PDB file of all heavy atoms in Angstrom:
ATOM      1  N   ASP A   1       0.809  -1.251  -0.014  1.00  0.00           N
ATOM      2  CA  ASP A   1       0.010  -0.008  -0.017  1.00  0.00           C
ATOM      3  C   ASP A   1       0.860   1.265  -0.021  1.00  0.00           C
ATOM      4  O   ASP A   1       2.031   1.274   0.414  1.00  0.00           O
ATOM      5  CB  ASP A   1      -0.925   0.026   1.242  1.00  0.00           C
ATOM      6  CG  ASP A   1      -1.987  -0.989   1.213  1.00  0.00           C
ATOM      7  OD1 ASP A   1      -2.193  -1.648   0.121  1.00  0.00           O
ATOM      8  OD2 ASP A   1      -2.668  -1.191   2.233  1.00  0.00           O
ATOM      9  N   LEU A   2       0.263   2.325  -0.499  1.00  0.00           N
ATOM     10  CA  LEU A   2       0.873   3.636  -0.465  1.00  0.00           C
ATOM     11  C   LEU A   2      -0.146   4.577   0.066  1.00  0.00           C
ATOM     12  O   LEU A   2      -1.132   4.895  -0.611  1.00  0.00           O
ATOM     13  CB  LEU A   2       1.378   4.052  -1.810  1.00  0.00           C
ATOM     14  CG  LEU A   2       2.112   5.437  -1.836  1.00  0.00           C
ATOM     15  CD1 LEU A   2       3.500   5.268  -1.160  1.00  0.00           C
ATOM     16  CD2 LEU A   2       2.321   5.941  -3.295  1.00  0.00           C
ATOM     17  N   GLN A   3       0.002   4.981   1.337  1.00  0.00           N
ATOM     18  CA  GLN A   3      -0.923   5.897   1.914  1.00  0.00           C
ATOM     19  C   GLN A   3      -0.369   7.371   1.653  1.00  0.00           C
ATOM     20  O   GLN A   3       0.690   7.687   2.123  1.00  0.00           O
ATOM     21  CB  GLN A   3      -0.996   5.709   3.507  1.00  0.00           C
ATOM     22  CG  GLN A   3      -1.958   6.689   4.184  1.00  0.00           C
ATOM     23  CD  GLN A   3      -3.408   6.539   3.740  1.00  0.00           C
ATOM     24  OE1 GLN A   3      -3.900   5.441   3.739  1.00  0.00           O
ATOM     25  NE2 GLN A   3      -3.992   7.643   3.395  1.00  0.00           N
ATOM     26  N   MET A   4      -1.208   8.122   0.972  1.00  0.00           N
ATOM     27  CA  MET A   4      -0.808   9.452   0.593  1.00  0.00           C
ATOM     28  C   MET A   4      -1.630  10.491   1.319  1.00  0.00           C
ATOM     29  O   MET A   4      -2.861  10.370   1.306  1.00  0.00           O
ATOM     30  CB  MET A   4      -0.956   9.646  -0.917  1.00  0.00           C
ATOM     31  CG  MET A   4      -0.257   8.632  -1.716  1.00  0.00           C
ATOM     32  SD  MET A   4      -0.351   8.891  -3.529  1.00  0.00           S
ATOM     33  CE  MET A   4      -2.154   8.664  -3.772  1.00  0.00           C
ATOM     34  N   THR A   5      -0.988  11.440   1.968  1.00  0.00           N
ATOM     35  CA  THR A   5      -1.675  12.514   2.689  1.00  0.00           C
ATOM     36  C   THR A   5      -1.103  13.873   2.287  1.00  0.00           C
ATOM     37  O   THR A   5      -0.043  13.943   1.604  1.00  0.00           O
ATOM     38  CB  THR A   5      -1.541  12.363   4.217  1.00  0.00           C
ATOM     39  OG1 THR A   5      -0.138  12.427   4.617  1.00  0.00           O
ATOM     40  CG2 THR A   5      -2.051  10.991   4.710  1.00  0.00           C
ATOM     41  N   SER A   6      -1.835  14.899   2.617  1.00  0.00           N
ATOM     42  CA  SER A   6      -1.376  16.248   2.289  1.00  0.00           C
ATOM     43  C   SER A   6      -1.060  16.385   0.826  1.00  0.00           C
ATOM     44  O   SER A   6      -0.071  16.945   0.444  1.00  0.00           O
ATOM     45  CB  SER A   6      -0.163  16.655   3.151  1.00  0.00           C
ATOM     46  OG  SER A   6      -0.503  16.609   4.549  1.00  0.00           O
ATOM     47  N   LEU A   7      -1.911  15.862   0.029  1.00  0.00           N
ATOM     48  CA  LEU A   7      -1.658  15.805  -1.443  1.00  0.00           C
ATOM     49  C   LEU A   7      -1.625  17.222  -2.034  1.00  0.00           C
ATOM     50  O   LEU A   7      -2.364  18.094  -1.644  1.00  0.00           O
ATOM     51  CB  LEU A   7      -2.702  14.975  -2.092  1.00  0.00           C
ATOM     52  CG  LEU A   7      -2.518  13.442  -1.919  1.00  0.00           C
ATOM     53  CD1 LEU A   7      -3.839  12.699  -2.279  1.00  0.00           C
ATOM     54  CD2 LEU A   7      -1.368  13.022  -2.786  1.00  0.00           C
ATOM     55  N   LYS A   8      -0.726  17.337  -3.043  1.00  0.00           N
ATOM     56  CA  LYS A   8      -0.480  18.554  -3.687  1.00  0.00           C
ATOM     57  C   LYS A   8      -0.804  18.326  -5.183  1.00  0.00           C
ATOM     58  O   LYS A   8      -0.662  17.262  -5.682  1.00  0.00           O
ATOM     59  CB  LYS A   8       0.946  19.041  -3.502  1.00  0.00           C
ATOM     60  CG  LYS A   8       1.408  19.160  -2.079  1.00  0.00           C
ATOM     61  CD  LYS A   8       2.903  19.490  -1.998  1.00  0.00           C
ATOM     62  CE  LYS A   8       3.346  19.498  -0.591  1.00  0.00           C
ATOM     63  NZ  LYS A   8       4.844  19.713  -0.539  1.00  0.00           N
ATOM     64  N   PRO A   9      -1.047  19.456  -5.934  1.00  0.00           N
ATOM     65  CA  PRO A   9      -1.272  19.292  -7.399  1.00  0.00           C
ATOM     66  C   PRO A   9      -0.069  18.647  -8.079  1.00  0.00           C
ATOM     67  O   PRO A   9      -0.280  17.910  -9.070  1.00  0.00           O
ATOM     68  CB  PRO A   9      -1.496  20.773  -7.857  1.00  0.00           C
ATOM     69  CG  PRO A   9      -2.069  21.419  -6.702  1.00  0.00           C
ATOM     70  CD  PRO A   9      -1.387  20.795  -5.489  1.00  0.00           C
ATOM     71  N   GLU A  10       1.136  18.877  -7.627  1.00  0.00           N
ATOM     72  CA  GLU A  10       2.328  18.272  -8.246  1.00  0.00           C
ATOM     73  C   GLU A  10       2.404  16.803  -7.978  1.00  0.00           C
ATOM     74  O   GLU A  10       3.251  16.095  -8.579  1.00  0.00           O
ATOM     75  CB  GLU A  10       3.600  18.954  -7.713  1.00  0.00           C
ATOM     76  CG  GLU A  10       3.677  19.088  -6.283  1.00  0.00           C
ATOM     77  CD  GLU A  10       3.259  20.442  -5.751  1.00  0.00           C
ATOM     78  OE1 GLU A  10       2.231  20.951  -6.193  1.00  0.00           O
ATOM     79  OE2 GLU A  10       3.967  21.054  -4.934  1.00  0.00           O
ATOM     80  N   ASP A  11       1.518  16.239  -7.160  1.00  0.00           N
ATOM     81  CA  ASP A  11       1.488  14.790  -7.009  1.00  0.00           C
ATOM     82  C   ASP A  11       0.668  14.072  -8.094  1.00  0.00           C
ATOM     83  O   ASP A  11       0.606  12.883  -8.169  1.00  0.00           O
ATOM     84  CB  ASP A  11       0.836  14.392  -5.627  1.00  0.00           C
ATOM     85  CG  ASP A  11       1.709  14.864  -4.467  1.00  0.00           C
ATOM     86  OD1 ASP A  11       2.972  14.686  -4.478  1.00  0.00           O
ATOM     87  OD2 ASP A  11       1.156  15.353  -3.453  1.00  0.00           O
ATOM     88  N   THR A  12      -0.025  14.893  -8.917  1.00  0.00           N
ATOM     89  CA  THR A  12      -0.826  14.321  -9.999  1.00  0.00           C
ATOM     90  C   THR A  12       0.036  13.569 -10.985  1.00  0.00           C
ATOM     91  O   THR A  12       1.019  14.017 -11.490  1.00  0.00           O
ATOM     92  CB  THR A  12      -1.545  15.478 -10.772  1.00  0.00           C
ATOM     93  OG1 THR A  12      -2.448  16.113  -9.838  1.00  0.00           O
ATOM     94  CG2 THR A  12      -2.304  14.957 -11.930  1.00  0.00           C
ATOM     95  N   ALA A  13      -0.332  12.287 -11.166  1.00  0.00           N
ATOM     96  CA  ALA A  13       0.412  11.405 -11.992  1.00  0.00           C
ATOM     97  C   ALA A  13      -0.220  10.085 -12.066  1.00  0.00           C
ATOM     98  O   ALA A  13      -1.163   9.773 -11.359  1.00  0.00           O
ATOM     99  CB  ALA A  13       1.860  11.260 -11.479  1.00  0.00           C
ATOM    100  N   VAL A  14       0.241   9.227 -12.984  1.00  0.00           N
ATOM    101  CA  VAL A  14      -0.113   7.843 -12.947  1.00  0.00           C
ATOM    102  C   VAL A  14       0.866   7.113 -12.004  1.00  0.00           C
ATOM    103  O   VAL A  14       2.050   7.237 -12.158  1.00  0.00           O
ATOM    104  CB  VAL A  14      -0.061   7.169 -14.369  1.00  0.00           C
ATOM    105  CG1 VAL A  14      -0.343   5.677 -14.254  1.00  0.00           C
ATOM    106  CG2 VAL A  14      -1.064   7.842 -15.272  1.00  0.00           C
ATOM    107  N   TYR A  15       0.318   6.344 -11.036  1.00  0.00           N
ATOM    108  CA  TYR A  15       1.143   5.741 -10.058  1.00  0.00           C
ATOM    109  C   TYR A  15       1.290   4.239 -10.359  1.00  0.00           C
ATOM    110  O   TYR A  15       0.253   3.586 -10.677  1.00  0.00           O
ATOM    111  CB  TYR A  15       0.563   5.938  -8.659  1.00  0.00           C
ATOM    112  CG  TYR A  15       0.855   7.300  -8.071  1.00  0.00           C
ATOM    113  CD1 TYR A  15       0.203   8.398  -8.605  1.00  0.00           C
ATOM    114  CD2 TYR A  15       1.751   7.447  -7.017  1.00  0.00           C
ATOM    115  CE1 TYR A  15       0.492   9.618  -8.089  1.00  0.00           C
ATOM    116  CE2 TYR A  15       1.998   8.713  -6.521  1.00  0.00           C
ATOM    117  CZ  TYR A  15       1.370   9.805  -7.098  1.00  0.00           C
ATOM    118  OH  TYR A  15       1.645  11.093  -6.568  1.00  0.00           O
ATOM    119  N   TYR A  16       2.461   3.742 -10.320  1.00  0.00           N
ATOM    120  CA  TYR A  16       2.713   2.335 -10.591  1.00  0.00           C
ATOM    121  C   TYR A  16       3.373   1.645  -9.432  1.00  0.00           C
ATOM    122  O   TYR A  16       4.266   2.180  -8.751  1.00  0.00           O
ATOM    123  CB  TYR A  16       3.705   2.224 -11.830  1.00  0.00           C
ATOM    124  CG  TYR A  16       3.199   2.810 -13.138  1.00  0.00           C
ATOM    125  CD1 TYR A  16       3.428   4.123 -13.471  1.00  0.00           C
ATOM    126  CD2 TYR A  16       2.502   2.021 -14.025  1.00  0.00           C
ATOM    127  CE1 TYR A  16       3.043   4.666 -14.579  1.00  0.00           C
ATOM    128  CE2 TYR A  16       2.080   2.581 -15.181  1.00  0.00           C
ATOM    129  CZ  TYR A  16       2.335   3.945 -15.456  1.00  0.00           C
ATOM    130  OH  TYR A  16       1.940   4.440 -16.699  1.00  0.00           O
ATOM    131  N   CYS A  17       2.999   0.424  -9.218  1.00  0.00           N
ATOM    132  CA  CYS A  17       3.731  -0.413  -8.277  1.00  0.00           C
ATOM    133  C   CYS A  17       4.654  -1.333  -9.126  1.00  0.00           C
ATOM    134  O   CYS A  17       4.364  -1.684 -10.217  1.00  0.00           O
ATOM    135  CB  CYS A  17       2.855  -1.216  -7.313  1.00  0.00           C
ATOM    136  SG  CYS A  17       1.850  -2.503  -8.024  1.00  0.00           S
ATOM    137  N   ALA A  18       5.692  -1.766  -8.442  1.00  0.00           N
ATOM    138  CA  ALA A  18       6.675  -2.625  -9.146  1.00  0.00           C
ATOM    139  C   ALA A  18       7.395  -3.584  -8.133  1.00  0.00           C
ATOM    140  O   ALA A  18       7.319  -3.260  -6.918  1.00  0.00           O
ATOM    141  CB  ALA A  18       7.811  -1.726  -9.821  1.00  0.00           C
ATOM    142  N   ALA A  19       7.924  -4.665  -8.678  1.00  0.00           N
ATOM    143  CA  ALA A  19       8.575  -5.708  -7.827  1.00  0.00           C
ATOM    144  C   ALA A  19       9.869  -6.021  -8.377  1.00  0.00           C
ATOM    145  O   ALA A  19      10.140  -6.029  -9.548  1.00  0.00           O
ATOM    146  CB  ALA A  19       7.667  -6.845  -7.720  1.00  0.00           C
ATOM    147  N   LYS A  20      10.846  -6.359  -7.464  1.00  0.00           N
ATOM    148  CA  LYS A  20      12.159  -6.813  -7.827  1.00  0.00           C
ATOM    149  C   LYS A  20      12.746  -7.693  -6.796  1.00  0.00           C
ATOM    150  O   LYS A  20      12.316  -7.677  -5.620  1.00  0.00           O
ATOM    151  CB  LYS A  20      13.063  -5.567  -8.020  1.00  0.00           C
ATOM    152  CG  LYS A  20      13.382  -4.874  -6.733  1.00  0.00           C
ATOM    153  CD  LYS A  20      14.321  -3.667  -6.870  1.00  0.00           C
ATOM    154  CE  LYS A  20      15.703  -4.027  -7.337  1.00  0.00           C
ATOM    155  NZ  LYS A  20      16.497  -4.728  -6.384  1.00  0.00           N
ATOM    156  N   LYS A  21      13.636  -8.502  -7.218  1.00  0.00           N
ATOM    157  CA  LYS A  21      14.418  -9.325  -6.251  1.00  0.00           C
ATOM    158  C   LYS A  21      15.441  -8.507  -5.566  1.00  0.00           C
ATOM    159  O   LYS A  21      15.857  -7.437  -6.085  1.00  0.00           O
ATOM    160  CB  LYS A  21      15.100 -10.514  -6.968  1.00  0.00           C
ATOM    161  CG  LYS A  21      14.160 -11.611  -7.574  1.00  0.00           C
ATOM    162  CD  LYS A  21      13.573 -12.390  -6.416  1.00  0.00           C
ATOM    163  CE  LYS A  21      12.746 -13.586  -7.000  1.00  0.00           C
ATOM    164  NZ  LYS A  21      13.635 -14.534  -7.718  1.00  0.00           N
ATOM    165  N   GLY A  22      15.837  -8.906  -4.370  1.00  0.00           N
ATOM    166  CA  GLY A  22      16.888  -8.221  -3.688  1.00  0.00           C
ATOM    167  C   GLY A  22      16.409  -6.999  -2.899  1.00  0.00           C
ATOM    168  O   GLY A  22      15.218  -6.894  -2.551  1.00  0.00           O
ATOM    169  N   ILE A  23      17.320  -6.056  -2.676  1.00  0.00           N
ATOM    170  CA  ILE A  23      17.018  -4.916  -1.894  1.00  0.00           C
ATOM    171  C   ILE A  23      16.165  -3.923  -2.611  1.00  0.00           C
ATOM    172  O   ILE A  23      16.225  -3.860  -3.866  1.00  0.00           O
ATOM    173  CB  ILE A  23      18.296  -4.244  -1.365  1.00  0.00           C
ATOM    174  CG1 ILE A  23      19.119  -3.751  -2.540  1.00  0.00           C
ATOM    175  CG2 ILE A  23      19.105  -5.175  -0.558  1.00  0.00           C
ATOM    176  CD1 ILE A  23      20.308  -2.846  -2.184  1.00  0.00           C
ATOM    177  N   PRO A  24      15.364  -3.133  -1.908  1.00  0.00           N
ATOM    178  CA  PRO A  24      14.580  -2.049  -2.569  1.00  0.00           C
ATOM    179  C   PRO A  24      15.553  -0.967  -3.047  1.00  0.00           C
ATOM    180  O   PRO A  24      16.517  -0.613  -2.374  1.00  0.00           O
ATOM    181  CB  PRO A  24      13.685  -1.563  -1.501  1.00  0.00           C
ATOM    182  CG  PRO A  24      14.415  -1.817  -0.201  1.00  0.00           C
ATOM    183  CD  PRO A  24      15.183  -3.137  -0.423  1.00  0.00           C
ATOM    184  N   THR A  25      15.227  -0.374  -4.199  1.00  0.00           N
ATOM    185  CA  THR A  25      16.008   0.684  -4.804  1.00  0.00           C
ATOM    186  C   THR A  25      15.071   1.753  -5.351  1.00  0.00           C
ATOM    187  O   THR A  25      13.874   1.588  -5.371  1.00  0.00           O
ATOM    188  CB  THR A  25      16.933   0.201  -5.941  1.00  0.00           C
ATOM    189  OG1 THR A  25      16.127  -0.169  -7.048  1.00  0.00           O
ATOM    190  CG2 THR A  25      17.752  -1.041  -5.514  1.00  0.00           C
ATOM    191  N   SER A  26      15.728   2.890  -5.782  1.00  0.00           N
ATOM    192  CA  SER A  26      14.962   3.932  -6.327  1.00  0.00           C
ATOM    193  C   SER A  26      15.046   4.050  -7.825  1.00  0.00           C
ATOM    194  O   SER A  26      14.578   4.986  -8.462  1.00  0.00           O
ATOM    195  CB  SER A  26      15.457   5.283  -5.700  1.00  0.00           C
ATOM    196  OG  SER A  26      16.806   5.512  -6.064  1.00  0.00           O
ATOM    197  N   THR A  27      15.589   3.014  -8.476  1.00  0.00           N
ATOM    198  CA  THR A  27      15.818   3.029  -9.870  1.00  0.00           C
ATOM    199  C   THR A  27      14.839   2.121 -10.577  1.00  0.00           C
ATOM    200  O   THR A  27      14.789   0.879 -10.388  1.00  0.00           O
ATOM    201  CB  THR A  27      17.216   2.544 -10.215  1.00  0.00           C
ATOM    202  OG1 THR A  27      18.177   3.388  -9.561  1.00  0.00           O
ATOM    203  CG2 THR A  27      17.522   2.628 -11.722  1.00  0.00           C
ATOM    204  N   GLY A  28      13.989   2.719 -11.356  1.00  0.00           N
ATOM    205  CA  GLY A  28      12.879   1.914 -11.995  1.00  0.00           C
ATOM    206  C   GLY A  28      13.327   0.815 -12.904  1.00  0.00           C
ATOM    207  O   GLY A  28      12.737  -0.240 -12.912  1.00  0.00           O
ATOM    208  N   SER A  29      14.475   1.041 -13.590  1.00  0.00           N
ATOM    209  CA  SER A  29      14.908   0.009 -14.493  1.00  0.00           C
ATOM    210  C   SER A  29      15.423  -1.269 -13.853  1.00  0.00           C
ATOM    211  O   SER A  29      15.607  -2.273 -14.424  1.00  0.00           O
ATOM    212  CB  SER A  29      16.065   0.582 -15.337  1.00  0.00           C
ATOM    213  OG  SER A  29      17.167   0.929 -14.531  1.00  0.00           O
ATOM    214  N   GLU A  30      15.582  -1.225 -12.550  1.00  0.00           N
ATOM    215  CA  GLU A  30      16.018  -2.417 -11.792  1.00  0.00           C
ATOM    216  C   GLU A  30      14.831  -3.275 -11.344  1.00  0.00           C
ATOM    217  O   GLU A  30      15.065  -4.388 -10.851  1.00  0.00           O
ATOM    218  CB  GLU A  30      16.825  -1.957 -10.534  1.00  0.00           C
ATOM    219  CG  GLU A  30      18.058  -1.217 -10.904  1.00  0.00           C
ATOM    220  CD  GLU A  30      18.852  -0.807  -9.680  1.00  0.00           C
ATOM    221  OE1 GLU A  30      18.364  -0.979  -8.534  1.00  0.00           O
ATOM    222  OE2 GLU A  30      19.996  -0.199  -9.899  1.00  0.00           O
ATOM    223  N   TYR A  31      13.661  -2.817 -11.568  1.00  0.00           N
ATOM    224  CA  TYR A  31      12.456  -3.566 -11.182  1.00  0.00           C
ATOM    225  C   TYR A  31      11.953  -4.481 -12.319  1.00  0.00           C
ATOM    226  O   TYR A  31      12.085  -4.035 -13.531  1.00  0.00           O
ATOM    227  CB  TYR A  31      11.357  -2.637 -10.761  1.00  0.00           C
ATOM    228  CG  TYR A  31      11.549  -2.067  -9.383  1.00  0.00           C
ATOM    229  CD1 TYR A  31      12.474  -1.055  -9.180  1.00  0.00           C
ATOM    230  CD2 TYR A  31      10.869  -2.596  -8.248  1.00  0.00           C
ATOM    231  CE1 TYR A  31      12.718  -0.556  -7.921  1.00  0.00           C
ATOM    232  CE2 TYR A  31      11.091  -2.030  -7.007  1.00  0.00           C
ATOM    233  CZ  TYR A  31      12.019  -1.037  -6.801  1.00  0.00           C
ATOM    234  OH  TYR A  31      12.263  -0.531  -5.584  1.00  0.00           O
ATOM    235  N   ASP A  32      11.528  -5.662 -12.016  1.00  0.00           N
ATOM    236  CA  ASP A  32      11.271  -6.685 -13.030  1.00  0.00           C
ATOM    237  C   ASP A  32       9.790  -6.729 -13.391  1.00  0.00           C
ATOM    238  O   ASP A  32       9.471  -7.152 -14.535  1.00  0.00           O
ATOM    239  CB  ASP A  32      11.695  -8.058 -12.488  1.00  0.00           C
ATOM    240  CG  ASP A  32      13.129  -8.097 -12.174  1.00  0.00           C
ATOM    241  OD1 ASP A  32      13.943  -7.801 -12.985  1.00  0.00           O
ATOM    242  OD2 ASP A  32      13.467  -8.517 -11.019  1.00  0.00           O
ATOM    243  N   TYR A  33       8.880  -6.399 -12.529  1.00  0.00           N
ATOM    244  CA  TYR A  33       7.499  -6.490 -12.832  1.00  0.00           C
ATOM    245  C   TYR A  33       6.828  -5.178 -12.407  1.00  0.00           C
ATOM    246  O   TYR A  33       7.149  -4.566 -11.447  1.00  0.00           O
ATOM    247  CB  TYR A  33       6.900  -7.639 -11.972  1.00  0.00           C
ATOM    248  CG  TYR A  33       7.553  -8.917 -12.217  1.00  0.00           C
ATOM    249  CD1 TYR A  33       8.526  -9.456 -11.362  1.00  0.00           C
ATOM    250  CD2 TYR A  33       7.251  -9.696 -13.305  1.00  0.00           C
ATOM    251  CE1 TYR A  33       9.110 -10.647 -11.555  1.00  0.00           C
ATOM    252  CE2 TYR A  33       7.864 -10.909 -13.594  1.00  0.00           C
ATOM    253  CZ  TYR A  33       8.803 -11.383 -12.711  1.00  0.00           C
ATOM    254  OH  TYR A  33       9.462 -12.574 -12.933  1.00  0.00           O
TER     255      TYR A  33
END
């Protein structure tokens, strides 16, 4: 889950969840699904 509060107009976007093996990272290309 992603609980979002105090939302701002700049939060407007399509939000995606993703999964990967190993440690969590901030790089989208490292996610497999």
